[in-house]
């Protein structure tokens, strides 16, 4: 059950260190498009202090290689219904069609994981 009504899509991706600039360019365009279609926030982060865990961790979950860095991102929406509407509009947006092909992405899309979350606390 959500407390604030907001809805979040979260993503974790393995980004080759030599492709961070490519990833940034794609993210800047994607963020612009998501916001134009109604997303409240679009945030992309690059791992800086992401240690290997004893049982589990971002590096373990992503099968992170020595030449990769973890990317962590989230998109905030008014609600799940708004997320569904916005994502449909984004996927149909001509500006993003070329980069929706997994072969054109600057990271291994098979090792990406993501999910949708109801906001429990927004302090």
PDB file of N, CA and C in Angstrom:
ATOM      1  N   UNK A   1       0.843  -1.182   0.000  1.00  0.00           N
ATOM      2  CA  UNK A   1       0.000   0.000   0.000  1.00  0.00           C
ATOM      3  C   UNK A   1       0.887   1.243   0.000  1.00  0.00           C
ATOM      4  N   UNK A   2       0.558   2.169  -0.838  1.00  0.00           N
ATOM      5  CA  UNK A   2       1.344   3.398  -0.945  1.00  0.00           C
ATOM      6  C   UNK A   2       0.834   4.457   0.026  1.00  0.00           C
ATOM      7  N   UNK A   3       1.746   5.245   0.552  1.00  0.00           N
ATOM      8  CA  UNK A   3       1.388   6.310   1.481  1.00  0.00           C
ATOM      9  C   UNK A   3       1.214   7.637   0.741  1.00  0.00           C
ATOM     10  N   UNK A   4       2.077   7.906  -0.222  1.00  0.00           N
ATOM     11  CA  UNK A   4       2.055   9.213  -0.871  1.00  0.00           C
ATOM     12  C   UNK A   4       1.300   9.210  -2.185  1.00  0.00           C
ATOM     13  N   UNK A   5       0.997   8.037  -2.713  1.00  0.00           N
ATOM     14  CA  UNK A   5       0.375   7.950  -4.013  1.00  0.00           C
ATOM     15  C   UNK A   5       1.391   7.891  -5.133  1.00  0.00           C
ATOM     16  N   UNK A   6       2.634   8.270  -4.869  1.00  0.00           N
ATOM     17  CA  UNK A   6       3.661   8.241  -5.910  1.00  0.00           C
ATOM     18  C   UNK A   6       4.056   6.803  -6.239  1.00  0.00           C
ATOM     19  N   UNK A   7       4.615   6.650  -7.436  1.00  0.00           N
ATOM     20  CA  UNK A   7       5.065   5.339  -7.900  1.00  0.00           C
ATOM     21  C   UNK A   7       6.462   5.505  -8.484  1.00  0.00           C
ATOM     22  N   UNK A   8       7.337   4.535  -8.255  1.00  0.00           N
ATOM     23  CA  UNK A   8       8.736   4.616  -8.684  1.00  0.00           C
ATOM     24  C   UNK A   8       9.086   3.412  -9.550  1.00  0.00           C
ATOM     25  N   UNK A   9       9.748   3.657 -10.668  1.00  0.00           N
ATOM     26  CA  UNK A   9      10.428   2.594 -11.415  1.00  0.00           C
ATOM     27  C   UNK A   9      11.892   2.697 -11.044  1.00  0.00           C
ATOM     28  N   UNK A  10      12.502   1.569 -10.660  1.00  0.00           N
ATOM     29  CA  UNK A  10      13.912   1.551 -10.306  1.00  0.00           C
ATOM     30  C   UNK A  10      14.681   0.625 -11.233  1.00  0.00           C
ATOM     31  N   UNK A  11      15.930   0.975 -11.519  1.00  0.00           N
ATOM     32  CA  UNK A  11      16.773   0.223 -12.456  1.00  0.00           C
ATOM     33  C   UNK A  11      18.190   0.109 -11.920  1.00  0.00           C
ATOM     34  N   UNK A  12      18.807  -1.032 -12.153  1.00  0.00           N
ATOM     35  CA  UNK A  12      20.224  -1.232 -11.882  1.00  0.00           C
ATOM     36  C   UNK A  12      20.822  -1.806 -13.173  1.00  0.00           C
ATOM     37  N   UNK A  13      21.914  -1.195 -13.658  1.00  0.00           N
ATOM     38  CA  UNK A  13      22.526  -1.633 -14.915  1.00  0.00           C
ATOM     39  C   UNK A  13      24.046  -1.696 -14.791  1.00  0.00           C
ATOM     40  N   UNK A  14      24.679  -2.649 -15.501  1.00  0.00           N
ATOM     41  CA  UNK A  14      26.141  -2.702 -15.547  1.00  0.00           C
ATOM     42  C   UNK A  14      26.641  -1.868 -16.727  1.00  0.00           C
ATOM     43  N   UNK A  15      27.420  -0.840 -16.461  1.00  0.00           N
ATOM     44  CA  UNK A  15      27.868   0.058 -17.521  1.00  0.00           C
ATOM     45  C   UNK A  15      29.384  -0.079 -17.693  1.00  0.00           C
ATOM     46  N   UNK A  16      29.851  -0.421 -18.891  1.00  0.00           N
ATOM     47  CA  UNK A  16      31.299  -0.432 -19.116  1.00  0.00           C
ATOM     48  C   UNK A  16      31.866   0.965 -18.852  1.00  0.00           C
ATOM     49  N   UNK A  17      32.987   1.016 -18.140  1.00  0.00           N
ATOM     50  CA  UNK A  17      33.568   2.309 -17.774  1.00  0.00           C
ATOM     51  C   UNK A  17      33.887   3.156 -18.997  1.00  0.00           C
ATOM     52  N   UNK A  18      34.259   2.528 -20.109  1.00  0.00           N
ATOM     53  CA  UNK A  18      34.581   3.297 -21.310  1.00  0.00           C
ATOM     54  C   UNK A  18      33.333   3.720 -22.090  1.00  0.00           C
ATOM     55  N   UNK A  19      32.135   3.385 -21.575  1.00  0.00           N
ATOM     56  CA  UNK A  19      30.886   3.782 -22.246  1.00  0.00           C
ATOM     57  C   UNK A  19      30.010   4.673 -21.360  1.00  0.00           C
ATOM     58  N   UNK A  20      30.574   5.165 -20.269  1.00  0.00           N
ATOM     59  CA  UNK A  20      29.799   6.023 -19.365  1.00  0.00           C
ATOM     60  C   UNK A  20      29.314   7.278 -20.086  1.00  0.00           C
ATOM     61  N   UNK A  21      30.150   7.888 -20.929  1.00  0.00           N
ATOM     62  CA  UNK A  21      29.719   9.089 -21.655  1.00  0.00           C
ATOM     63  C   UNK A  21      28.575   8.765 -22.616  1.00  0.00           C
ATOM     64  N   UNK A  22      28.628   7.605 -23.284  1.00  0.00           N
ATOM     65  CA  UNK A  22      27.530   7.177 -24.163  1.00  0.00           C
ATOM     66  C   UNK A  22      26.256   6.991 -23.349  1.00  0.00           C
ATOM     67  N   UNK A  23      26.401   6.360 -22.195  1.00  0.00           N
ATOM     68  CA  UNK A  23      25.252   6.132 -21.316  1.00  0.00           C
ATOM     69  C   UNK A  23      24.666   7.468 -20.857  1.00  0.00           C
ATOM     70  N   UNK A  24      25.530   8.425 -20.522  1.00  0.00           N
ATOM     71  CA  UNK A  24      25.067   9.752 -20.093  1.00  0.00           C
ATOM     72  C   UNK A  24      24.253  10.428 -21.206  1.00  0.00           C
ATOM     73  N   UNK A  25      24.734  10.358 -22.444  1.00  0.00           N
ATOM     74  CA  UNK A  25      24.004  10.990 -23.564  1.00  0.00           C
ATOM     75  C   UNK A  25      22.609  10.379 -23.725  1.00  0.00           C
ATOM     76  N   UNK A  26      22.537   9.062 -23.668  1.00  0.00           N
ATOM     77  CA  UNK A  26      21.237   8.388 -23.774  1.00  0.00           C
ATOM     78  C   UNK A  26      20.344   8.784 -22.597  1.00  0.00           C
ATOM     79  N   UNK A  27      20.917   8.815 -21.412  1.00  0.00           N
ATOM     80  CA  UNK A  27      20.151   9.147 -20.206  1.00  0.00           C
ATOM     81  C   UNK A  27      19.624  10.572 -20.248  1.00  0.00           C
ATOM     82  N   UNK A  28      20.419  11.498 -20.755  1.00  0.00           N
ATOM     83  CA  UNK A  28      19.963  12.889 -20.843  1.00  0.00           C
ATOM     84  C   UNK A  28      18.756  13.010 -21.759  1.00  0.00           C
ATOM     85  N   UNK A  29      18.804  12.329 -22.903  1.00  0.00           N
ATOM     86  CA  UNK A  29      17.661  12.352 -23.813  1.00  0.00           C
ATOM     87  C   UNK A  29      16.465  11.642 -23.188  1.00  0.00           C
ATOM     88  N   UNK A  30      16.706  10.472 -22.608  1.00  0.00           N
ATOM     89  CA  UNK A  30      15.608   9.716 -21.996  1.00  0.00           C
ATOM     90  C   UNK A  30      14.955  10.535 -20.882  1.00  0.00           C
ATOM     91  N   UNK A  31      15.766  11.164 -20.054  1.00  0.00           N
ATOM     92  CA  UNK A  31      15.211  11.974 -18.976  1.00  0.00           C
ATOM     93  C   UNK A  31      14.341  13.102 -19.498  1.00  0.00           C
ATOM     94  N   UNK A  32      14.801  13.749 -20.552  1.00  0.00           N
ATOM     95  CA  UNK A  32      14.015  14.832 -21.160  1.00  0.00           C
ATOM     96  C   UNK A  32      12.667  14.300 -21.664  1.00  0.00           C
ATOM     97  N   UNK A  33      12.700  13.161 -22.351  1.00  0.00           N
ATOM     98  CA  UNK A  33      11.470  12.595 -22.918  1.00  0.00           C
ATOM     99  C   UNK A  33      10.519  12.146 -21.804  1.00  0.00           C
ATOM    100  N   UNK A  34      11.037  11.448 -20.796  1.00  0.00           N
ATOM    101  CA  UNK A  34      10.166  11.005 -19.695  1.00  0.00           C
ATOM    102  C   UNK A  34       9.522  12.200 -19.009  1.00  0.00           C
ATOM    103  N   UNK A  35      10.298  13.252 -18.761  1.00  0.00           N
ATOM    104  CA  UNK A  35       9.747  14.438 -18.088  1.00  0.00           C
ATOM    105  C   UNK A  35       8.703  15.129 -18.966  1.00  0.00           C
ATOM    106  N   UNK A  36       8.963  15.223 -20.279  1.00  0.00           N
ATOM    107  CA  UNK A  36       7.983  15.840 -21.180  1.00  0.00           C
ATOM    108  C   UNK A  36       6.667  15.084 -21.184  1.00  0.00           C
ATOM    109  N   UNK A  37       6.736  13.779 -20.990  1.00  0.00           N
ATOM    110  CA  UNK A  37       5.510  12.973 -20.983  1.00  0.00           C
ATOM    111  C   UNK A  37       4.854  12.896 -19.605  1.00  0.00           C
ATOM    112  N   UNK A  38       5.476  13.521 -18.586  1.00  0.00           N
ATOM    113  CA  UNK A  38       4.798  13.636 -17.296  1.00  0.00           C
ATOM    114  C   UNK A  38       5.495  13.050 -16.081  1.00  0.00           C
ATOM    115  N   UNK A  39       6.660  12.415 -16.238  1.00  0.00           N
ATOM    116  CA  UNK A  39       7.373  11.917 -15.063  1.00  0.00           C
ATOM    117  C   UNK A  39       7.741  13.087 -14.155  1.00  0.00           C
ATOM    118  N   UNK A  40       7.647  12.887 -12.867  1.00  0.00           N
ATOM    119  CA  UNK A  40       7.962  13.939 -11.905  1.00  0.00           C
ATOM    120  C   UNK A  40       9.466  14.103 -11.711  1.00  0.00           C
ATOM    121  N   UNK A  41      10.201  12.992 -11.745  1.00  0.00           N
ATOM    122  CA  UNK A  41      11.661  13.011 -11.602  1.00  0.00           C
ATOM    123  C   UNK A  41      12.246  11.913 -12.469  1.00  0.00           C
ATOM    124  N   UNK A  42      13.465  12.138 -12.927  1.00  0.00           N
ATOM    125  CA  UNK A  42      14.231  11.128 -13.674  1.00  0.00           C
ATOM    126  C   UNK A  42      15.673  11.278 -13.213  1.00  0.00           C
ATOM    127  N   UNK A  43      16.211  10.257 -12.551  1.00  0.00           N
ATOM    128  CA  UNK A  43      17.547  10.358 -11.960  1.00  0.00           C
ATOM    129  C   UNK A  43      18.384   9.159 -12.388  1.00  0.00           C
ATOM    130  N   UNK A  44      19.597   9.426 -12.857  1.00  0.00           N
ATOM    131  CA  UNK A  44      20.566   8.383 -13.235  1.00  0.00           C
ATOM    132  C   UNK A  44      21.829   8.614 -12.413  1.00  0.00           C
ATOM    133  N   UNK A  45      22.359   7.546 -11.816  1.00  0.00           N
ATOM    134  CA  UNK A  45      23.544   7.643 -10.964  1.00  0.00           C
ATOM    135  C   UNK A  45      24.584   6.618 -11.396  1.00  0.00           C
ATOM    136  N   UNK A  46      25.847   6.938 -11.125  1.00  0.00           N
ATOM    137  CA  UNK A  46      26.966   6.033 -11.392  1.00  0.00           C
ATOM    138  C   UNK A  46      27.569   5.662 -10.042  1.00  0.00           C
ATOM    139  N   UNK A  47      27.823   4.367  -9.853  1.00  0.00           N
ATOM    140  CA  UNK A  47      28.384   3.886  -8.598  1.00  0.00           C
ATOM    141  C   UNK A  47      29.716   4.534  -8.265  1.00  0.00           C
ATOM    142  N   UNK A  48      29.879   4.911  -7.002  1.00  0.00           N
ATOM    143  CA  UNK A  48      31.109   5.522  -6.525  1.00  0.00           C
ATOM    144  C   UNK A  48      31.649   4.736  -5.323  1.00  0.00           C
ATOM    145  N   UNK A  49      30.760   4.309  -4.448  1.00  0.00           N
ATOM    146  CA  UNK A  49      31.119   3.551  -3.253  1.00  0.00           C
ATOM    147  C   UNK A  49      30.193   2.347  -3.200  1.00  0.00           C
ATOM    148  N   UNK A  50      30.493   1.355  -4.036  1.00  0.00           N
ATOM    149  CA  UNK A  50      29.623   0.188  -4.213  1.00  0.00           C
ATOM    150  C   UNK A  50      30.450  -1.077  -3.939  1.00  0.00           C
ATOM    151  N   UNK A  51      30.638  -1.403  -2.655  1.00  0.00           N
ATOM    152  CA  UNK A  51      31.518  -2.524  -2.309  1.00  0.00           C
ATOM    153  C   UNK A  51      30.898  -3.892  -2.608  1.00  0.00           C
ATOM    154  N   UNK A  52      31.767  -4.856  -2.785  1.00  0.00           N
ATOM    155  CA  UNK A  52      31.360  -6.247  -2.928  1.00  0.00           C
ATOM    156  C   UNK A  52      30.871  -6.718  -1.554  1.00  0.00           C
ATOM    157  N   UNK A  53      29.743  -7.399  -1.522  1.00  0.00           N
ATOM    158  CA  UNK A  53      29.204  -7.881  -0.254  1.00  0.00           C
ATOM    159  C   UNK A  53      29.660  -9.295   0.052  1.00  0.00           C
ATOM    160  N   UNK A  54      29.372  -9.751   1.258  1.00  0.00           N
ATOM    161  CA  UNK A  54      29.687 -11.126   1.638  1.00  0.00           C
ATOM    162  C   UNK A  54      28.644 -12.083   1.094  1.00  0.00           C
ATOM    163  N   UNK A  55      27.372 -11.686   1.122  1.00  0.00           N
ATOM    164  CA  UNK A  55      26.297 -12.549   0.636  1.00  0.00           C
ATOM    165  C   UNK A  55      25.691 -12.034  -0.660  1.00  0.00           C
ATOM    166  N   UNK A  56      25.471 -10.711  -0.710  1.00  0.00           N
ATOM    167  CA  UNK A  56      24.897 -10.114  -1.913  1.00  0.00           C
ATOM    168  C   UNK A  56      25.291  -8.641  -1.970  1.00  0.00           C
ATOM    169  N   UNK A  57      25.213  -8.066  -3.158  1.00  0.00           N
ATOM    170  CA  UNK A  57      25.585  -6.663  -3.348  1.00  0.00           C
ATOM    171  C   UNK A  57      25.230  -6.270  -4.779  1.00  0.00           C
ATOM    172  N   UNK A  58      25.333  -4.991  -5.067  1.00  0.00           N
ATOM    173  CA  UNK A  58      25.121  -4.544  -6.445  1.00  0.00           C
ATOM    174  C   UNK A  58      26.095  -5.241  -7.403  1.00  0.00           C
ATOM    175  N   UNK A  59      27.404  -5.268  -7.090  1.00  0.00           N
ATOM    176  CA  UNK A  59      28.318  -5.945  -8.015  1.00  0.00           C
ATOM    177  C   UNK A  59      27.969  -7.416  -8.245  1.00  0.00           C
ATOM    178  N   UNK A  60      27.572  -8.115  -7.188  1.00  0.00           N
ATOM    179  CA  UNK A  60      27.213  -9.520  -7.339  1.00  0.00           C
ATOM    180  C   UNK A  60      25.918  -9.672  -8.142  1.00  0.00           C
ATOM    181  N   UNK A  61      24.935  -8.856  -7.863  1.00  0.00           N
ATOM    182  CA  UNK A  61      23.659  -8.958  -8.570  1.00  0.00           C
ATOM    183  C   UNK A  61      23.819  -8.688 -10.062  1.00  0.00           C
ATOM    184  N   UNK A  62      24.706  -7.751 -10.406  1.00  0.00           N
ATOM    185  CA  UNK A  62      24.928  -7.385 -11.809  1.00  0.00           C
ATOM    186  C   UNK A  62      25.975  -8.253 -12.496  1.00  0.00           C
ATOM    187  N   UNK A  63      26.638  -9.121 -11.741  1.00  0.00           N
ATOM    188  CA  UNK A  63      27.786  -9.873 -12.267  1.00  0.00           C
ATOM    189  C   UNK A  63      28.799  -8.877 -12.832  1.00  0.00           C
ATOM    190  N   UNK A  64      29.049  -7.815 -12.058  1.00  0.00           N
ATOM    191  CA  UNK A  64      29.888  -6.704 -12.483  1.00  0.00           C
ATOM    192  C   UNK A  64      31.314  -7.159 -12.769  1.00  0.00           C
ATOM    193  N   UNK A  65      31.832  -6.742 -13.914  1.00  0.00           N
ATOM    194  CA  UNK A  65      33.203  -7.047 -14.317  1.00  0.00           C
ATOM    195  C   UNK A  65      34.119  -5.912 -13.875  1.00  0.00           C
ATOM    196  N   UNK A  66      35.427  -6.140 -13.882  1.00  0.00           N
ATOM    197  CA  UNK A  66      36.388  -5.130 -13.432  1.00  0.00           C
ATOM    198  C   UNK A  66      36.315  -3.831 -14.226  1.00  0.00           C
ATOM    199  N   UNK A  67      35.920  -3.924 -15.482  1.00  0.00           N
ATOM    200  CA  UNK A  67      35.872  -2.735 -16.331  1.00  0.00           C
ATOM    201  C   UNK A  67      34.465  -2.130 -16.402  1.00  0.00           C
ATOM    202  N   UNK A  68      33.626  -2.429 -15.422  1.00  0.00           N
ATOM    203  CA  UNK A  68      32.251  -1.921 -15.395  1.00  0.00           C
ATOM    204  C   UNK A  68      31.975  -1.213 -14.076  1.00  0.00           C
ATOM    205  N   UNK A  69      30.953  -0.378 -14.113  1.00  0.00           N
ATOM    206  CA  UNK A  69      30.477   0.344 -12.938  1.00  0.00           C
ATOM    207  C   UNK A  69      28.963   0.142 -12.861  1.00  0.00           C
ATOM    208  N   UNK A  70      28.425   0.134 -11.650  1.00  0.00           N
ATOM    209  CA  UNK A  70      26.987  -0.020 -11.469  1.00  0.00           C
ATOM    210  C   UNK A  70      26.290   1.311 -11.747  1.00  0.00           C
ATOM    211  N   UNK A  71      25.218   1.234 -12.520  1.00  0.00           N
ATOM    212  CA  UNK A  71      24.349   2.384 -12.728  1.00  0.00           C
ATOM    213  C   UNK A  71      23.065   2.151 -11.947  1.00  0.00           C
ATOM    214  N   UNK A  72      22.579   3.178 -11.287  1.00  0.00           N
ATOM    215  CA  UNK A  72      21.385   3.092 -10.445  1.00  0.00           C
ATOM    216  C   UNK A  72      20.476   4.241 -10.859  1.00  0.00           C
ATOM    217  N   UNK A  73      19.237   3.937 -11.190  1.00  0.00           N
ATOM    218  CA  UNK A  73      18.345   4.982 -11.702  1.00  0.00           C
ATOM    219  C   UNK A  73      16.933   4.795 -11.156  1.00  0.00           C
ATOM    220  N   UNK A  74      16.200   5.901 -11.135  1.00  0.00           N
ATOM    221  CA  UNK A  74      14.796   5.814 -10.779  1.00  0.00           C
ATOM    222  C   UNK A  74      14.022   6.919 -11.474  1.00  0.00           C
ATOM    223  N   UNK A  75      12.746   6.615 -11.680  1.00  0.00           N
ATOM    224  CA  UNK A  75      11.809   7.570 -12.282  1.00  0.00           C
ATOM    225  C   UNK A  75      10.615   7.657 -11.339  1.00  0.00           C
ATOM    226  N   UNK A  76      10.196   8.870 -11.029  1.00  0.00           N
ATOM    227  CA  UNK A  76       9.079   9.088 -10.112  1.00  0.00           C
ATOM    228  C   UNK A  76       7.849   9.519 -10.904  1.00  0.00           C
ATOM    229  N   UNK A  77       6.723   8.915 -10.572  1.00  0.00           N
ATOM    230  CA  UNK A  77       5.443   9.218 -11.212  1.00  0.00           C
ATOM    231  C   UNK A  77       4.406   9.567 -10.146  1.00  0.00           C
ATOM    232  N   UNK A  78       3.339  10.221 -10.564  1.00  0.00           N
ATOM    233  CA  UNK A  78       2.232  10.542  -9.669  1.00  0.00           C
ATOM    234  C   UNK A  78       1.568   9.288  -9.116  1.00  0.00           C
ATOM    235  N   UNK A  79       1.476   8.240  -9.953  1.00  0.00           N
ATOM    236  CA  UNK A  79       0.764   7.021  -9.576  1.00  0.00           C
ATOM    237  C   UNK A  79       1.158   5.899 -10.537  1.00  0.00           C
ATOM    238  N   UNK A  80       0.733   4.700 -10.240  1.00  0.00           N
ATOM    239  CA  UNK A  80       0.981   3.561 -11.141  1.00  0.00           C
ATOM    240  C   UNK A  80       0.263   3.789 -12.475  1.00  0.00           C
ATOM    241  N   UNK A  81      -0.946   4.317 -12.435  1.00  0.00           N
ATOM    242  CA  UNK A  81      -1.687   4.583 -13.670  1.00  0.00           C
ATOM    243  C   UNK A  81      -0.937   5.598 -14.537  1.00  0.00           C
ATOM    244  N   UNK A  82      -0.394   6.635 -13.910  1.00  0.00           N
ATOM    245  CA  UNK A  82       0.381   7.629 -14.653  1.00  0.00           C
ATOM    246  C   UNK A  82       1.651   7.000 -15.219  1.00  0.00           C
ATOM    247  N   UNK A  83       2.296   6.131 -14.448  1.00  0.00           N
ATOM    248  CA  UNK A  83       3.485   5.425 -14.942  1.00  0.00           C
ATOM    249  C   UNK A  83       3.158   4.623 -16.184  1.00  0.00           C
ATOM    250  N   UNK A  84       2.050   3.900 -16.161  1.00  0.00           N
ATOM    251  CA  UNK A  84       1.672   3.085 -17.312  1.00  0.00           C
ATOM    252  C   UNK A  84       1.388   3.962 -18.533  1.00  0.00           C
ATOM    253  N   UNK A  85       0.692   5.084 -18.324  1.00  0.00           N
ATOM    254  CA  UNK A  85       0.393   6.009 -19.424  1.00  0.00           C
ATOM    255  C   UNK A  85       1.674   6.620 -19.978  1.00  0.00           C
ATOM    256  N   UNK A  86       2.527   7.106 -19.084  1.00  0.00           N
ATOM    257  CA  UNK A  86       3.766   7.767 -19.496  1.00  0.00           C
ATOM    258  C   UNK A  86       4.688   6.787 -20.219  1.00  0.00           C
ATOM    259  N   UNK A  87       4.860   5.588 -19.684  1.00  0.00           N
ATOM    260  CA  UNK A  87       5.744   4.615 -20.329  1.00  0.00           C
ATOM    261  C   UNK A  87       5.252   4.232 -21.715  1.00  0.00           C
ATOM    262  N   UNK A  88       3.950   4.133 -21.900  1.00  0.00           N
ATOM    263  CA  UNK A  88       3.408   3.841 -23.236  1.00  0.00           C
ATOM    264  C   UNK A  88       3.753   4.982 -24.198  1.00  0.00           C
ATOM    265  N   UNK A  89       3.614   6.218 -23.732  1.00  0.00           N
ATOM    266  CA  UNK A  89       3.934   7.378 -24.571  1.00  0.00           C
ATOM    267  C   UNK A  89       5.428   7.432 -24.880  1.00  0.00           C
ATOM    268  N   UNK A  90       6.264   7.142 -23.884  1.00  0.00           N
ATOM    269  CA  UNK A  90       7.713   7.160 -24.080  1.00  0.00           C
ATOM    270  C   UNK A  90       8.124   6.101 -25.098  1.00  0.00           C
ATOM    271  N   UNK A  91       7.586   4.904 -24.967  1.00  0.00           N
ATOM    272  CA  UNK A  91       7.950   3.816 -25.880  1.00  0.00           C
ATOM    273  C   UNK A  91       7.532   4.120 -27.323  1.00  0.00           C
ATOM    274  N   UNK A  92       6.528   4.952 -27.504  1.00  0.00           N
ATOM    275  CA  UNK A  92       6.077   5.331 -28.842  1.00  0.00           C
ATOM    276  C   UNK A  92       6.785   6.590 -29.364  1.00  0.00           C
ATOM    277  N   UNK A  93       7.565   7.236 -28.521  1.00  0.00           N
ATOM    278  CA  UNK A  93       8.218   8.486 -28.895  1.00  0.00           C
ATOM    279  C   UNK A  93       9.346   8.215 -29.894  1.00  0.00           C
ATOM    280  N   UNK A  94       9.285   8.866 -31.034  1.00  0.00           N
ATOM    281  CA  UNK A  94      10.259   8.656 -32.116  1.00  0.00           C
ATOM    282  C   UNK A  94      11.694   8.959 -31.693  1.00  0.00           C
ATOM    283  N   UNK A  95      11.882   9.888 -30.756  1.00  0.00           N
ATOM    284  CA  UNK A  95      13.236  10.259 -30.340  1.00  0.00           C
ATOM    285  C   UNK A  95      13.974   9.114 -29.642  1.00  0.00           C
ATOM    286  N   UNK A  96      13.222   8.165 -29.088  1.00  0.00           N
ATOM    287  CA  UNK A  96      13.853   7.074 -28.346  1.00  0.00           C
ATOM    288  C   UNK A  96      13.835   5.738 -29.076  1.00  0.00           C
ATOM    289  N   UNK A  97      13.113   5.646 -30.176  1.00  0.00           N
ATOM    290  CA  UNK A  97      12.966   4.352 -30.856  1.00  0.00           C
ATOM    291  C   UNK A  97      14.296   3.699 -31.210  1.00  0.00           C
ATOM    292  N   UNK A  98      15.246   4.450 -31.727  1.00  0.00           N
ATOM    293  CA  UNK A  98      16.524   3.874 -32.142  1.00  0.00           C
ATOM    294  C   UNK A  98      17.282   3.286 -30.960  1.00  0.00           C
ATOM    295  N   UNK A  99      17.188   3.934 -29.800  1.00  0.00           N
ATOM    296  CA  UNK A  99      17.959   3.427 -28.666  1.00  0.00           C
ATOM    297  C   UNK A  99      17.232   2.353 -27.874  1.00  0.00           C
ATOM    298  N   UNK A 100      16.016   2.021 -28.221  1.00  0.00           N
ATOM    299  CA  UNK A 100      15.299   0.951 -27.527  1.00  0.00           C
ATOM    300  C   UNK A 100      15.752  -0.430 -27.986  1.00  0.00           C
ATOM    301  N   UNK A 101      16.547  -0.479 -29.035  1.00  0.00           N
ATOM    302  CA  UNK A 101      17.103  -1.741 -29.509  1.00  0.00           C
ATOM    303  C   UNK A 101      18.227  -2.147 -28.554  1.00  0.00           C
ATOM    304  N   UNK A 102      18.148  -3.351 -27.936  1.00  0.00           N
ATOM    305  CA  UNK A 102      19.197  -3.777 -26.996  1.00  0.00           C
ATOM    306  C   UNK A 102      20.604  -3.751 -27.595  1.00  0.00           C
ATOM    307  N   UNK A 103      20.741  -3.947 -28.908  1.00  0.00           N
ATOM    308  CA  UNK A 103      22.062  -3.923 -29.547  1.00  0.00           C
ATOM    309  C   UNK A 103      22.670  -2.525 -29.566  1.00  0.00           C
ATOM    310  N   UNK A 104      21.849  -1.490 -29.477  1.00  0.00           N
ATOM    311  CA  UNK A 104      22.384  -0.131 -29.527  1.00  0.00           C
ATOM    312  C   UNK A 104      22.648   0.452 -28.136  1.00  0.00           C
ATOM    313  N   UNK A 105      22.322  -0.282 -27.086  1.00  0.00           N
ATOM    314  CA  UNK A 105      22.533   0.204 -25.726  1.00  0.00           C
ATOM    315  C   UNK A 105      24.004   0.077 -25.330  1.00  0.00           C
ATOM    316  N   UNK A 106      24.527   1.022 -24.558  1.00  0.00           N
ATOM    317  CA  UNK A 106      25.938   0.966 -24.145  1.00  0.00           C
ATOM    318  C   UNK A 106      26.169   0.087 -22.910  1.00  0.00           C
ATOM    319  N   UNK A 107      25.293  -0.873 -22.661  1.00  0.00           N
ATOM    320  CA  UNK A 107      25.463  -1.806 -21.549  1.00  0.00           C
ATOM    321  C   UNK A 107      24.756  -3.105 -21.912  1.00  0.00           C
ATOM    322  N   UNK A 108      25.033  -4.159 -21.152  1.00  0.00           N
ATOM    323  CA  UNK A 108      24.444  -5.469 -21.376  1.00  0.00           C
ATOM    324  C   UNK A 108      23.033  -5.497 -20.792  1.00  0.00           C
ATOM    325  N   UNK A 109      22.034  -5.371 -21.652  1.00  0.00           N
ATOM    326  CA  UNK A 109      20.647  -5.293 -21.192  1.00  0.00           C
ATOM    327  C   UNK A 109      20.176  -6.595 -20.532  1.00  0.00           C
ATOM    328  N   UNK A 110      20.841  -7.697 -20.795  1.00  0.00           N
ATOM    329  CA  UNK A 110      20.450  -8.976 -20.181  1.00  0.00           C
ATOM    330  C   UNK A 110      20.778  -9.007 -18.693  1.00  0.00           C
ATOM    331  N   UNK A 111      21.712  -8.143 -18.264  1.00  0.00           N
ATOM    332  CA  UNK A 111      22.098  -8.106 -16.854  1.00  0.00           C
ATOM    333  C   UNK A 111      21.457  -6.948 -16.094  1.00  0.00           C
ATOM    334  N   UNK A 112      20.618  -6.188 -16.772  1.00  0.00           N
ATOM    335  CA  UNK A 112      19.867  -5.101 -16.141  1.00  0.00           C
ATOM    336  C   UNK A 112      18.727  -5.714 -15.328  1.00  0.00           C
ATOM    337  N   UNK A 113      18.423  -5.110 -14.192  1.00  0.00           N
ATOM    338  CA  UNK A 113      17.188  -5.495 -13.519  1.00  0.00           C
ATOM    339  C   UNK A 113      16.437  -4.263 -13.080  1.00  0.00           C
ATOM    340  N   UNK A 114      15.133  -4.425 -12.939  1.00  0.00           N
ATOM    341  CA  UNK A 114      14.256  -3.276 -12.722  1.00  0.00           C
ATOM    342  C   UNK A 114      12.977  -3.716 -12.051  1.00  0.00           C
ATOM    343  N   UNK A 115      12.222  -2.769 -11.570  1.00  0.00           N
ATOM    344  CA  UNK A 115      10.925  -3.066 -10.974  1.00  0.00           C
ATOM    345  C   UNK A 115      10.172  -1.792 -10.681  1.00  0.00           C
ATOM    346  N   UNK A 116       8.878  -1.947 -10.452  1.00  0.00           N
ATOM    347  CA  UNK A 116       8.003  -0.840 -10.085  1.00  0.00           C
ATOM    348  C   UNK A 116       7.663  -0.934  -8.600  1.00  0.00           C
ATOM    349  N   UNK A 117       7.656   0.216  -7.925  1.00  0.00           N
ATOM    350  CA  UNK A 117       7.492   0.235  -6.473  1.00  0.00           C
ATOM    351  C   UNK A 117       6.490   1.294  -6.039  1.00  0.00           C
ATOM    352  N   UNK A 118       5.621   0.929  -5.116  1.00  0.00           N
ATOM    353  CA  UNK A 118       4.778   1.897  -4.420  1.00  0.00           C
ATOM    354  C   UNK A 118       5.629   2.568  -3.364  1.00  0.00           C
ATOM    355  N   UNK A 119       5.448   3.866  -3.186  1.00  0.00           N
ATOM    356  CA  UNK A 119       6.204   4.606  -2.170  1.00  0.00           C
ATOM    357  C   UNK A 119       5.599   4.311  -0.806  1.00  0.00           C
ATOM    358  N   UNK A 120       6.430   3.840   0.110  1.00  0.00           N
ATOM    359  CA  UNK A 120       5.999   3.549   1.472  1.00  0.00           C
ATOM    360  C   UNK A 120       6.225   4.756   2.385  1.00  0.00           C
ATOM    361  N   UNK A 121       7.402   5.395   2.248  1.00  0.00           N
ATOM    362  CA  UNK A 121       7.735   6.585   3.037  1.00  0.00           C
ATOM    363  C   UNK A 121       8.355   7.602   2.110  1.00  0.00           C
ATOM    364  N   UNK A 122       7.932   8.850   2.190  1.00  0.00           N
ATOM    365  CA  UNK A 122       8.520   9.937   1.423  1.00  0.00           C
ATOM    366  C   UNK A 122       8.745  11.077   2.412  1.00  0.00           C
ATOM    367  N   UNK A 123       9.900  11.068   3.064  1.00  0.00           N
ATOM    368  CA  UNK A 123      10.163  12.009   4.161  1.00  0.00           C
ATOM    369  C   UNK A 123      10.832  13.285   3.676  1.00  0.00           C
TER     370      UNK A 123
END
